Amino acid sequence: MTQFTVENSMEDMRKIPQLQEIAPYLLYSRDPDTSAFDSMPVAGVRNIGWSPEGMVKGINFLIHQFENGAKMYRLYTAEECKDDPQKEHVNVIRLIPEKVDTAKPYIVLAAGGGYNAVCSATEAYPTAVTFVQRRYQVFVLTYRVGEIGILPKPLEDLAAALRFIGRHSKEFSLNPDNYAVGGFSAGGNLITMWGTENAGYKAYGLPRPTALFPVYPVVDIKALEEHEKDREFIKIMLGEDYTQEALEKYNVAQHIGECYPPCYIVCGKDDTTVPCRNSEILKERLDALGTAAVLEEGEHAPHGFGDGTGTDVEGWPERAADFLEKVYSA
């Protein structure tokens, strides 16, 4: 079996034979030029805040999965892609336990990347290892990114993923109404929006998630207006000339209501990209509503830590799985 190590380069990762079909989606962006990344040694991703060890764990797990039946599924038909060619790249990759437990929820993971990229290799796959070992089926989502005013396209893609999984529920041996969604950074923003009734699951006519796992999520986008550099993120989400109506529609902090799903929230106090205050707001609102919520806030866990390997929150996916088991069996 191919072994991926911290001595490899990022280009080596893209050339792994078992992963050729999904290579563009390990670190997906609309820019096909990967030369800036390819020469970087895997060990060098630590400078970005990512964990090389976590990444290696996730890629070797993925190799094993594809040697044992894992598949990528595109979510839109050729006809549906005519109105937006980027839909061709929207997909889920199904990761399967050795023995499927049909009573367990399935889990969808959405990596972050500022809505300019989807960094599954560094966030979703390392995290998926624990959930699959705990006999959860995991679906890693690649959603549309890389344009100004991207919303609501990522929400549409998450809805498309859930509908696809629902249509194949018998084949996949799962209950389509019993699922959790985890997301990191912009992916955390996406999944916390999904938990709202006005812009998320209810707006798409889909079941409420059993639980959410927001990891260093952006929750209060209205607060970003105070800083010029942060306003750029709002423009990516809502467009150059966004309205206050749009800002309020997609501002999660304003829509955490009684039907909001239980949450296992993870962040690091030394995150200089997305302040932990976002996670704290979510926890405070859920506590006030009496909704089950845990906030795991590490002293030292930089933005991009993924599954937490090498940080103060190492092992959080195990604890999130424990939380999920309490929630769905309650």
Foldseek 3Di string as FASTA:
>chain_A
DDADALQAFLLVLCVDVLCVVCSCQQKHAPDPDCVVRRRHRLPVCVVVQFDSVLLRQLSVLVSVQSVPDKDKDQLDDPVRCPVPVLSRVKIKIKGFAPDADQLAAAEEEFEDDLLRITNCSRAVRSLVVVVSPVRHIYIYTDFHGRAFQCPPRRQVSVLSVLVVCVVCCVVVSYDSQEYEYEYAEQGLLSVLLQQFCQRHQVVSVHHHYLEYERELYQQALVVLVVDPVSVVSVRRNGNDPRDVVVNLSSRSLNGPDLSGHEYEYEYECPAPPRHCVNVVSNVVSCVVNVHHYHYHYFPFRYGSHHCVPPGRCHPVSVVVVVVSVVRSVD
